[in-house]
Amino acid sequence: MVIETGTRLDALSTARTYIRLVRLLEQQTRSETNGEPLTLTEMGVLGQIERGQTLPSMISRALALDPARVTRITDHLFALGYVQREADPDDRRRCPLRLTEEGAERLERGRLHFSTAMAAILSGLTDEELAALQVGTDGLTRVLDEIRAKQ
């Protein structure tokens, strides 16, 4: 894969860097949350519920996660008291999810912790590097959205 500057983009190295970033964010957030850490994926599930994706199948599609994994995550969030299951009067097999007040507060705290940790990491970049990262992130988001729309 060649990028516009003519340099070669090492796909494996790039993926490894993104994974390192996620791990570092989760590690820093874990130390800031005094024993109540949530992963980025768990935060993503809470965010999807907040946005109105109330069924595990909807969350699974929105986050491109295996349905069984979403079930495990929502079970964990339920056990923590962050999510409630509601009865669907039209279909007893469906159990729409909603955030509890504690879940909404935890989501907000988590967003703050992740934003703070990310800002600290990005503070080591130059303005030029930040601008390039933004352009690359926007492009990657667009491509990922296009791929998901085709599925």
Protein backbone atom coordinates (compact mmCIF):
# COMPACT_ATOMS: atom_id res chain seq x y z
CA MET A 1 0.00 0.00 0.00
CA VAL A 2 1.48 3.35 -1.03
CA ILE A 3 0.42 6.66 0.49
CA GLU A 4 0.57 9.99 -1.33
CA THR A 5 3.97 11.01 0.00
CA GLY A 6 5.47 8.05 -1.82
CA THR A 7 6.50 6.25 1.36
CA ARG A 8 5.44 2.70 1.99
CA LEU A 9 2.79 2.08 4.65
CA ASP A 10 3.48 -1.09 6.62
CA ALA A 11 0.00 -2.45 7.30
CA LEU A 12 1.07 -4.74 10.13
CA SER A 13 3.07 -2.01 11.85
CA THR A 14 0.14 0.41 11.50
CA ALA A 15 -2.31 -2.10 12.97
CA ARG A 16 0.14 -2.84 15.80
CA THR A 17 0.37 0.90 16.56
CA TYR A 18 -3.42 1.22 16.76
CA ILE A 19 -3.56 -1.80 19.07
CA ARG A 20 -0.83 -0.29 21.28
CA LEU A 21 -2.81 2.96 21.42
CA VAL A 22 -6.00 1.17 22.54
CA ARG A 23 -4.09 -0.82 25.17
CA LEU A 24 -2.38 2.30 26.50
CA LEU A 25 -5.68 4.19 26.67
CA GLU A 26 -7.31 1.34 28.55
CA GLN A 27 -4.32 1.01 30.89
CA GLN A 28 -4.27 4.72 31.71
CA THR A 29 -8.04 4.80 32.14
CA ARG A 30 -7.92 1.75 34.42
CA SER A 31 -5.48 3.54 36.74
CA GLU A 32 -7.68 6.68 36.80
CA THR A 33 -11.00 4.96 37.52
CA ASN A 34 -10.13 3.37 40.87
CA GLY A 35 -11.07 -0.19 40.09
CA GLU A 36 -14.10 0.45 37.89
CA PRO A 37 -12.48 0.15 34.47
CA LEU A 38 -14.43 -0.38 31.30
CA THR A 39 -12.85 -1.32 28.00
CA LEU A 40 -13.31 0.79 24.90
CA THR A 41 -15.65 -1.91 23.60
CA GLU A 42 -17.78 -1.78 26.74
CA MET A 43 -17.85 2.01 26.47
CA GLY A 44 -18.88 1.61 22.83
CA VAL A 45 -21.78 -0.63 23.82
CA LEU A 46 -22.96 1.90 26.42
CA GLY A 47 -22.66 4.65 23.81
CA GLN A 48 -24.73 2.68 21.30
CA ILE A 49 -27.46 2.14 23.88
CA GLU A 50 -27.42 5.85 24.63
CA ARG A 51 -27.84 6.53 20.89
CA GLY A 52 -30.94 4.35 20.74
CA GLN A 53 -29.46 1.03 19.60
CA THR A 54 -31.41 -0.90 22.21
CA LEU A 55 -31.21 -4.46 20.89
CA PRO A 56 -28.03 -6.54 21.10
CA SER A 57 -28.38 -7.40 17.40
CA MET A 58 -28.40 -3.67 16.54
CA ILE A 59 -25.35 -3.06 18.73
CA SER A 60 -23.58 -6.01 17.15
CA ARG A 61 -24.09 -4.58 13.66
CA ALA A 62 -23.23 -1.01 14.66
CA LEU A 63 -19.93 -2.01 16.30
CA ALA A 64 -19.13 -4.91 13.95
CA LEU A 65 -18.93 -7.31 16.90
CA ASP A 66 -19.90 -10.94 17.17
CA PRO A 67 -23.43 -11.20 18.65
CA ALA A 68 -22.23 -13.61 21.36
CA ARG A 69 -19.61 -11.06 22.43
CA VAL A 70 -22.25 -8.32 22.64
CA THR A 71 -24.36 -10.63 24.80
CA ARG A 72 -21.43 -11.24 27.16
CA ILE A 73 -20.69 -7.52 27.36
CA THR A 74 -24.31 -6.56 28.00
CA ASP A 75 -24.55 -9.28 30.67
CA HIS A 76 -21.48 -7.77 32.35
CA LEU A 77 -22.88 -4.23 32.11
CA PHE A 78 -26.19 -5.51 33.52
CA ALA A 79 -24.36 -7.12 36.46
CA LEU A 80 -22.60 -3.79 37.13
CA GLY A 81 -25.95 -2.02 37.18
CA TYR A 82 -25.21 0.12 34.11
CA VAL A 83 -27.85 -1.43 31.85
CA GLN A 84 -31.43 -2.57 32.36
CA ARG A 85 -33.35 -5.03 30.26
CA GLU A 86 -36.91 -4.13 29.49
CA ALA A 87 -39.76 -6.32 28.35
CA ASP A 88 -41.06 -5.90 24.81
CA PRO A 89 -44.86 -6.24 25.01
CA ASP A 90 -45.04 -7.22 21.33
CA ASP A 91 -42.30 -9.87 21.40
CA ARG A 92 -41.32 -11.59 24.63
CA ARG A 93 -38.09 -12.86 23.05
CA ARG A 94 -36.81 -9.30 22.67
CA CYS A 95 -35.37 -7.47 25.64
CA PRO A 96 -34.52 -3.89 24.72
CA LEU A 97 -31.69 -2.37 26.72
CA ARG A 98 -31.50 1.02 28.34
CA LEU A 99 -28.91 2.79 30.41
CA THR A 100 -29.56 3.17 34.08
CA GLU A 101 -28.78 6.52 35.67
CA GLU A 102 -25.58 4.97 37.01
CA GLY A 103 -24.77 3.68 33.51
CA ALA A 104 -25.23 7.13 31.96
CA GLU A 105 -22.98 8.65 34.63
CA ARG A 106 -20.36 5.93 34.11
CA LEU A 107 -20.43 6.51 30.37
CA GLU A 108 -19.82 10.22 30.88
CA ARG A 109 -16.95 9.57 33.33
CA GLY A 110 -15.48 7.05 30.91
CA ARG A 111 -15.63 9.53 28.04
CA LEU A 112 -13.85 12.09 30.18
CA HIS A 113 -11.14 9.61 31.21
CA PHE A 114 -10.56 8.41 27.63
CA SER A 115 -10.50 12.00 26.32
CA THR A 116 -8.00 13.04 28.97
CA ALA A 117 -5.78 10.03 28.29
CA MET A 118 -5.95 10.56 24.52
CA ALA A 119 -5.14 14.27 24.87
CA ALA A 120 -2.08 13.39 26.95
CA ILE A 121 -0.87 10.95 24.31
CA LEU A 122 -1.51 13.33 21.41
CA SER A 123 0.23 16.19 23.19
CA GLY A 124 3.51 14.60 22.11
CA LEU A 125 2.70 15.20 18.42
CA THR A 126 3.57 18.30 16.44
CA ASP A 127 0.81 20.42 14.87
CA GLU A 128 1.73 18.95 11.48
CA GLU A 129 1.51 15.39 12.82
CA LEU A 130 -1.86 16.14 14.45
CA ALA A 131 -3.21 17.52 11.18
CA ALA A 132 -1.97 14.47 9.27
CA LEU A 133 -3.47 12.16 11.89
CA GLN A 134 -6.82 13.93 11.56
CA VAL A 135 -6.81 13.58 7.77
CA GLY A 136 -5.83 9.91 8.03
CA THR A 137 -8.43 9.21 10.71
CA ASP A 138 -11.17 10.89 8.66
CA GLY A 139 -10.20 8.81 5.64
CA LEU A 140 -10.04 5.59 7.60
CA THR A 141 -13.45 6.30 9.15
CA ARG A 142 -14.92 6.91 5.70
CA VAL A 143 -13.51 3.66 4.31
CA LEU A 144 -14.68 1.64 7.31
CA ASP A 145 -18.16 3.17 7.02
CA GLU A 146 -18.26 2.29 3.32
CA ILE A 147 -17.23 -1.30 4.03
CA ARG A 148 -19.88 -1.64 6.75
CA ALA A 149 -22.55 -0.20 4.44
CA LYS A 150 -21.77 -2.92 1.86
CA GLN A 151 -22.13 -5.74 4.38
